[in-house]
Amino acid sequence: MIDRGRIAALLLMLGAGLAVVGSFEETYRTIYRGIGPERTYTTNMWIVVSSPPSLLPENDAYYAVGWPVIAMAVLMVMAAVLLLLRRSGTVAKTVALAAAGALAGVVLTYWVQVRHEEEMMTDWPAQGGPTVQLDLLVGMYLLLAGAVIGLVGAVLAQRKQEEQPQEQEEDVVVHQLDADDDTPPFGIAIQEQDQEAR
């Protein structure tokens, strides 16, 4: 029989791992053309790197949104371990659902922010003005996959494990004979008196 608790724990750990890796991978790239030499900005959840290098210091504090991802991933792994050990089942299920939901919220917010930035860039004047190209990269897809897989694992953890059906024992069958010579209790035969009292 399929153990839903183990599958939920594995999905939680997989989702957490993908999200953490995705936070360090490049999530999107913006390429600016038409303002001097072409300039590229590559972003992950921790820092933005420009190419060619900018003379201004990198503003990594603004983009350090990877910390919530790390925190939620740690909580998801802890919940998965508790599910595997079958200890504190209610606590593990609650932590798993809260952490996976918060991770999905962080990733969704980040996704919306990137899409909003892309929409603003498309509103720039096209004739004679600068052109901007925004490309989503592998980190974004890893983040999205991690959030979805984590949510699936958390939801699966909420379902009760179906108990294995016990083998039905054979019922004891008692056969009773309807003949007149049934053995009475204690094995003592009682003589029937056929003659009527005179």
C-alpha atoms as a PDB file:
ATOM      1  CA  MET A   1       0.000   0.000   0.000  1.00  0.00           C
ATOM      2  CA  ILE A   2       1.217   3.527  -0.788  1.00  0.00           C
ATOM      3  CA  ASP A   3       2.481   5.422   2.267  1.00  0.00           C
ATOM      4  CA  ARG A   4       1.180   8.967   1.765  1.00  0.00           C
ATOM      5  CA  GLY A   5       3.221  10.272   4.690  1.00  0.00           C
ATOM      6  CA  ARG A   6       6.488   9.230   3.065  1.00  0.00           C
ATOM      7  CA  ILE A   7       5.491  10.620  -0.321  1.00  0.00           C
ATOM      8  CA  ALA A   8       4.448  13.919   1.279  1.00  0.00           C
ATOM      9  CA  ALA A   9       7.761  14.140   3.132  1.00  0.00           C
ATOM     10  CA  LEU A  10       9.759  13.451  -0.035  1.00  0.00           C
ATOM     11  CA  LEU A  11       7.788  16.090  -1.965  1.00  0.00           C
ATOM     12  CA  LEU A  12       8.360  18.625   0.803  1.00  0.00           C
ATOM     13  CA  MET A  13      12.109  17.997   0.778  1.00  0.00           C
ATOM     14  CA  LEU A  14      12.258  18.088  -3.023  1.00  0.00           C
ATOM     15  CA  GLY A  15      10.303  21.355  -3.145  1.00  0.00           C
ATOM     16  CA  ALA A  16      12.523  22.919  -0.487  1.00  0.00           C
ATOM     17  CA  GLY A  17      15.677  21.848  -2.302  1.00  0.00           C
ATOM     18  CA  LEU A  18      14.527  23.179  -5.666  1.00  0.00           C
ATOM     19  CA  ALA A  19      13.524  26.508  -4.117  1.00  0.00           C
ATOM     20  CA  VAL A  20      16.879  26.961  -2.379  1.00  0.00           C
ATOM     21  CA  VAL A  21      18.828  26.113  -5.532  1.00  0.00           C
ATOM     22  CA  GLY A  22      16.570  28.376  -7.582  1.00  0.00           C
ATOM     23  CA  SER A  23      17.162  31.312  -5.240  1.00  0.00           C
ATOM     24  CA  PHE A  24      20.901  31.208  -5.992  1.00  0.00           C
ATOM     25  CA  GLU A  25      20.507  30.632  -9.716  1.00  0.00           C
ATOM     26  CA  GLU A  26      19.948  33.506 -12.129  1.00  0.00           C
ATOM     27  CA  THR A  27      16.208  34.212 -12.285  1.00  0.00           C
ATOM     28  CA  TYR A  28      15.998  36.837 -15.049  1.00  0.00           C
ATOM     29  CA  ARG A  29      18.102  39.051 -17.272  1.00  0.00           C
ATOM     30  CA  THR A  30      17.389  42.541 -18.648  1.00  0.00           C
ATOM     31  CA  ILE A  31      19.261  43.826 -21.690  1.00  0.00           C
ATOM     32  CA  TYR A  32      19.248  47.565 -22.410  1.00  0.00           C
ATOM     33  CA  ARG A  33      20.042  48.718 -25.925  1.00  0.00           C
ATOM     34  CA  GLY A  34      20.095  52.200 -27.456  1.00  0.00           C
ATOM     35  CA  ILE A  35      21.661  54.063 -24.537  1.00  0.00           C
ATOM     36  CA  GLY A  36      25.346  53.909 -25.318  1.00  0.00           C
ATOM     37  CA  PRO A  37      26.846  50.435 -25.230  1.00  0.00           C
ATOM     38  CA  GLU A  38      24.612  47.483 -24.569  1.00  0.00           C
ATOM     39  CA  ARG A  39      24.218  46.777 -20.856  1.00  0.00           C
ATOM     40  CA  THR A  40      22.982  43.570 -19.245  1.00  0.00           C
ATOM     41  CA  TYR A  41      21.691  43.118 -15.705  1.00  0.00           C
ATOM     42  CA  THR A  42      21.434  39.563 -14.387  1.00  0.00           C
ATOM     43  CA  THR A  43      19.369  39.058 -11.248  1.00  0.00           C
ATOM     44  CA  ASN A  44      18.879  36.340  -8.689  1.00  0.00           C
ATOM     45  CA  MET A  45      17.167  36.553  -5.303  1.00  0.00           C
ATOM     46  CA  TRP A  46      20.325  37.872  -3.677  1.00  0.00           C
ATOM     47  CA  ILE A  47      22.074  40.317  -5.964  1.00  0.00           C
ATOM     48  CA  VAL A  48      22.033  42.048  -9.356  1.00  0.00           C
ATOM     49  CA  VAL A  49      25.172  41.838 -11.495  1.00  0.00           C
ATOM     50  CA  SER A  50      25.741  44.208 -14.422  1.00  0.00           C
ATOM     51  CA  SER A  51      27.773  43.549 -17.539  1.00  0.00           C
ATOM     52  CA  PRO A  52      29.922  45.490 -18.278  1.00  0.00           C
ATOM     53  CA  PRO A  53      30.470  46.150 -14.570  1.00  0.00           C
ATOM     54  CA  SER A  54      28.846  49.297 -13.270  1.00  0.00           C
ATOM     55  CA  LEU A  55      30.858  51.996 -11.554  1.00  0.00           C
ATOM     56  CA  LEU A  56      28.209  52.106  -8.824  1.00  0.00           C
ATOM     57  CA  PRO A  57      28.385  49.548  -5.989  1.00  0.00           C
ATOM     58  CA  GLU A  58      26.090  46.567  -6.348  1.00  0.00           C
ATOM     59  CA  ASN A  59      22.883  47.071  -4.373  1.00  0.00           C
ATOM     60  CA  ASP A  60      22.568  43.572  -2.964  1.00  0.00           C
ATOM     61  CA  ALA A  61      20.573  44.569   0.133  1.00  0.00           C
ATOM     62  CA  TYR A  62      17.560  45.539  -1.980  1.00  0.00           C
ATOM     63  CA  TYR A  63      17.448  42.178  -3.738  1.00  0.00           C
ATOM     64  CA  ALA A  64      18.247  39.954  -0.765  1.00  0.00           C
ATOM     65  CA  VAL A  65      14.801  38.327  -0.814  1.00  0.00           C
ATOM     66  CA  GLY A  66      16.346  34.882  -0.653  1.00  0.00           C
ATOM     67  CA  TRP A  67      16.242  34.758   3.148  1.00  0.00           C
ATOM     68  CA  PRO A  68      12.506  33.983   3.379  1.00  0.00           C
ATOM     69  CA  VAL A  69      13.011  31.191   0.846  1.00  0.00           C
ATOM     70  CA  ILE A  70      15.786  29.687   2.964  1.00  0.00           C
ATOM     71  CA  ALA A  71      13.727  29.989   6.163  1.00  0.00           C
ATOM     72  CA  MET A  72      10.637  28.365   4.653  1.00  0.00           C
ATOM     73  CA  ALA A  73      12.724  25.600   3.073  1.00  0.00           C
ATOM     74  CA  VAL A  74      14.265  24.765   6.465  1.00  0.00           C
ATOM     75  CA  LEU A  75      10.805  24.559   8.045  1.00  0.00           C
ATOM     76  CA  MET A  76       9.582  22.325   5.217  1.00  0.00           C
ATOM     77  CA  VAL A  77      12.513  19.938   5.729  1.00  0.00           C
ATOM     78  CA  MET A  78      11.886  19.843   9.488  1.00  0.00           C
ATOM     79  CA  ALA A  79       8.215  19.020   8.888  1.00  0.00           C
ATOM     80  CA  ALA A  80       9.224  16.303   6.429  1.00  0.00           C
ATOM     81  CA  VAL A  81      11.548  14.706   8.970  1.00  0.00           C
ATOM     82  CA  LEU A  82       8.794  14.721  11.596  1.00  0.00           C
ATOM     83  CA  LEU A  83       6.431  13.103   9.102  1.00  0.00           C
ATOM     84  CA  LEU A  84       8.967  10.373   8.360  1.00  0.00           C
ATOM     85  CA  LEU A  85       9.544   9.738  12.074  1.00  0.00           C
ATOM     86  CA  ARG A  86       5.771   9.803  12.658  1.00  0.00           C
ATOM     87  CA  ARG A  87       6.202  12.110  15.629  1.00  0.00           C
ATOM     88  CA  SER A  88       4.058  15.139  16.353  1.00  0.00           C
ATOM     89  CA  GLY A  89       1.856  14.433  13.357  1.00  0.00           C
ATOM     90  CA  THR A  90      -0.434  17.422  13.867  1.00  0.00           C
ATOM     91  CA  VAL A  91       2.485  19.801  14.402  1.00  0.00           C
ATOM     92  CA  ALA A  92       4.313  18.452  11.351  1.00  0.00           C
ATOM     93  CA  LYS A  93       1.238  18.845   9.145  1.00  0.00           C
ATOM     94  CA  THR A  94       0.623  22.404  10.350  1.00  0.00           C
ATOM     95  CA  VAL A  95       4.252  23.456   9.885  1.00  0.00           C
ATOM     96  CA  ALA A  96       4.389  21.825   6.448  1.00  0.00           C
ATOM     97  CA  LEU A  97       1.269  23.636   5.244  1.00  0.00           C
ATOM     98  CA  ALA A  98       2.301  27.006   6.695  1.00  0.00           C
ATOM     99  CA  ALA A  99       5.860  26.828   5.356  1.00  0.00           C
ATOM    100  CA  ALA A 100       4.847  25.621   1.894  1.00  0.00           C
ATOM    101  CA  GLY A 101       2.144  28.288   1.702  1.00  0.00           C
ATOM    102  CA  ALA A 102       4.570  31.021   2.760  1.00  0.00           C
ATOM    103  CA  LEU A 103       7.155  29.809   0.245  1.00  0.00           C
ATOM    104  CA  ALA A 104       4.546  29.880  -2.514  1.00  0.00           C
ATOM    105  CA  GLY A 105       3.610  33.401  -1.441  1.00  0.00           C
ATOM    106  CA  VAL A 106       7.210  34.619  -1.613  1.00  0.00           C
ATOM    107  CA  VAL A 107       7.768  33.033  -5.021  1.00  0.00           C
ATOM    108  CA  LEU A 108       4.480  34.386  -6.367  1.00  0.00           C
ATOM    109  CA  THR A 109       5.326  37.892  -5.130  1.00  0.00           C
ATOM    110  CA  TYR A 110       8.729  37.697  -6.791  1.00  0.00           C
ATOM    111  CA  TRP A 111       7.146  36.448 -10.035  1.00  0.00           C
ATOM    112  CA  VAL A 112       4.595  39.275 -10.035  1.00  0.00           C
ATOM    113  CA  GLN A 113       7.368  41.802  -9.419  1.00  0.00           C
ATOM    114  CA  VAL A 114       9.351  40.541 -12.415  1.00  0.00           C
ATOM    115  CA  ARG A 115       6.276  40.523 -14.673  1.00  0.00           C
ATOM    116  CA  HIS A 116       5.419  44.071 -13.564  1.00  0.00           C
ATOM    117  CA  GLU A 117       8.949  45.188 -14.389  1.00  0.00           C
ATOM    118  CA  GLU A 118       8.594  43.613 -17.823  1.00  0.00           C
ATOM    119  CA  GLU A 119       5.285  45.416 -18.431  1.00  0.00           C
ATOM    120  CA  MET A 120       6.795  48.760 -17.476  1.00  0.00           C
ATOM    121  CA  MET A 121       9.653  48.205 -19.913  1.00  0.00           C
ATOM    122  CA  THR A 122       7.280  47.471 -22.796  1.00  0.00           C
ATOM    123  CA  ASP A 123       5.638  50.883 -22.262  1.00  0.00           C
ATOM    124  CA  TRP A 124       8.832  52.700 -23.160  1.00  0.00           C
ATOM    125  CA  PRO A 125       8.756  54.631 -26.467  1.00  0.00           C
ATOM    126  CA  ALA A 126       9.691  52.355 -29.343  1.00  0.00           C
ATOM    127  CA  GLN A 127      10.742  54.910 -31.959  1.00  0.00           C
ATOM    128  CA  GLY A 128      14.264  56.158 -31.460  1.00  0.00           C
ATOM    129  CA  GLY A 129      14.193  55.263 -27.775  1.00  0.00           C
ATOM    130  CA  PRO A 130      16.014  52.565 -25.859  1.00  0.00           C
ATOM    131  CA  THR A 131      14.885  48.988 -26.147  1.00  0.00           C
ATOM    132  CA  VAL A 132      14.754  46.581 -23.252  1.00  0.00           C
ATOM    133  CA  GLN A 133      14.600  42.814 -23.380  1.00  0.00           C
ATOM    134  CA  LEU A 134      13.721  40.723 -20.336  1.00  0.00           C
ATOM    135  CA  ASP A 135      14.446  36.987 -20.322  1.00  0.00           C
ATOM    136  CA  LEU A 136      13.375  34.537 -17.626  1.00  0.00           C
ATOM    137  CA  LEU A 137      16.149  32.158 -16.621  1.00  0.00           C
ATOM    138  CA  VAL A 138      16.413  28.739 -14.993  1.00  0.00           C
ATOM    139  CA  GLY A 139      16.301  30.040 -11.413  1.00  0.00           C
ATOM    140  CA  MET A 140      12.772  31.336 -11.869  1.00  0.00           C
ATOM    141  CA  TYR A 141      11.535  27.986 -13.135  1.00  0.00           C
ATOM    142  CA  LEU A 142      13.233  26.169 -10.258  1.00  0.00           C
ATOM    143  CA  LEU A 143      11.553  28.504  -7.777  1.00  0.00           C
ATOM    144  CA  LEU A 144       8.143  27.950  -9.328  1.00  0.00           C
ATOM    145  CA  ALA A 145       8.628  24.177  -9.451  1.00  0.00           C
ATOM    146  CA  GLY A 146       9.801  24.104  -5.838  1.00  0.00           C
ATOM    147  CA  ALA A 147       6.788  26.118  -4.666  1.00  0.00           C
ATOM    148  CA  VAL A 148       4.292  23.912  -6.522  1.00  0.00           C
ATOM    149  CA  ILE A 149       5.903  20.634  -5.420  1.00  0.00           C
ATOM    150  CA  GLY A 150       6.094  21.861  -1.819  1.00  0.00           C
ATOM    151  CA  LEU A 151       2.397  22.765  -1.849  1.00  0.00           C
ATOM    152  CA  VAL A 152       1.473  19.358  -3.258  1.00  0.00           C
ATOM    153  CA  GLY A 153       3.496  17.668  -0.510  1.00  0.00           C
ATOM    154  CA  ALA A 154       1.906  19.828   2.207  1.00  0.00           C
ATOM    155  CA  VAL A 155      -1.617  19.118   0.955  1.00  0.00           C
ATOM    156  CA  LEU A 156      -0.879  15.405   0.706  1.00  0.00           C
ATOM    157  CA  ALA A 157       0.407  15.432   4.276  1.00  0.00           C
ATOM    158  CA  GLN A 158      -2.985  16.718   5.471  1.00  0.00           C
ATOM    159  CA  ARG A 159      -4.818  13.627   4.229  1.00  0.00           C
ATOM    160  CA  LYS A 160      -5.285  10.837   6.706  1.00  0.00           C
ATOM    161  CA  GLN A 161      -3.456   7.628   6.024  1.00  0.00           C
ATOM    162  CA  GLU A 162      -5.875   4.896   5.129  1.00  0.00           C
ATOM    163  CA  GLU A 163      -5.519   1.999   7.506  1.00  0.00           C
ATOM    164  CA  GLN A 164      -4.760  -1.342   5.976  1.00  0.00           C
ATOM    165  CA  PRO A 165      -7.791  -3.627   6.059  1.00  0.00           C
ATOM    166  CA  GLN A 166      -7.349  -6.498   8.466  1.00  0.00           C
ATOM    167  CA  GLU A 167      -7.813  -9.989   7.198  1.00  0.00           C
ATOM    168  CA  GLN A 168     -11.295 -11.148   8.041  1.00  0.00           C
ATOM    169  CA  GLU A 169     -11.213 -14.137  10.308  1.00  0.00           C
ATOM    170  CA  GLU A 170     -13.388 -17.064   9.407  1.00  0.00           C
ATOM    171  CA  ASP A 171     -16.518 -17.245  11.507  1.00  0.00           C
ATOM    172  CA  VAL A 172     -17.050 -20.303  13.652  1.00  0.00           C
ATOM    173  CA  VAL A 173     -19.849 -22.391  12.228  1.00  0.00           C
ATOM    174  CA  VAL A 174     -21.910 -24.494  14.629  1.00  0.00           C
ATOM    175  CA  HIS A 175     -23.896 -27.347  13.166  1.00  0.00           C
ATOM    176  CA  GLN A 176     -26.772 -28.718  15.166  1.00  0.00           C
ATOM    177  CA  LEU A 177     -28.329 -32.030  14.399  1.00  0.00           C
ATOM    178  CA  ASP A 178     -32.074 -32.230  14.537  1.00  0.00           C
ATOM    179  CA  ALA A 179     -32.198 -35.959  15.221  1.00  0.00           C
ATOM    180  CA  ASP A 180     -33.797 -37.352  18.361  1.00  0.00           C
ATOM    181  CA  ASP A 181     -30.586 -38.929  19.532  1.00  0.00           C
ATOM    182  CA  ASP A 182     -28.695 -35.646  20.088  1.00  0.00           C
ATOM    183  CA  THR A 183     -26.184 -35.948  22.844  1.00  0.00           C
ATOM    184  CA  PRO A 184     -27.450 -33.979  25.817  1.00  0.00           C
ATOM    185  CA  PRO A 185     -25.226 -31.788  27.964  1.00  0.00           C
ATOM    186  CA  PHE A 186     -22.430 -33.464  29.900  1.00  0.00           C
ATOM    187  CA  GLY A 187     -22.610 -36.484  27.592  1.00  0.00           C
ATOM    188  CA  ILE A 188     -25.297 -38.225  29.658  1.00  0.00           C
ATOM    189  CA  ALA A 189     -27.992 -39.875  27.632  1.00  0.00           C
ATOM    190  CA  ILE A 190     -31.480 -39.451  29.038  1.00  0.00           C
ATOM    191  CA  GLN A 191     -33.909 -42.240  28.367  1.00  0.00           C
ATOM    192  CA  GLU A 192     -37.191 -40.974  27.081  1.00  0.00           C
ATOM    193  CA  GLN A 193     -40.149 -42.536  28.761  1.00  0.00           C
ATOM    194  CA  ASP A 194     -42.547 -43.534  26.085  1.00  0.00           C
ATOM    195  CA  GLN A 195     -44.977 -45.124  28.372  1.00  0.00           C
ATOM    196  CA  GLU A 196     -47.563 -42.993  29.975  1.00  0.00           C
ATOM    197  CA  ALA A 197     -47.927 -43.177  33.684  1.00  0.00           C
ATOM    198  CA  ARG A 198     -50.638 -45.592  34.631  1.00  0.00           C
END
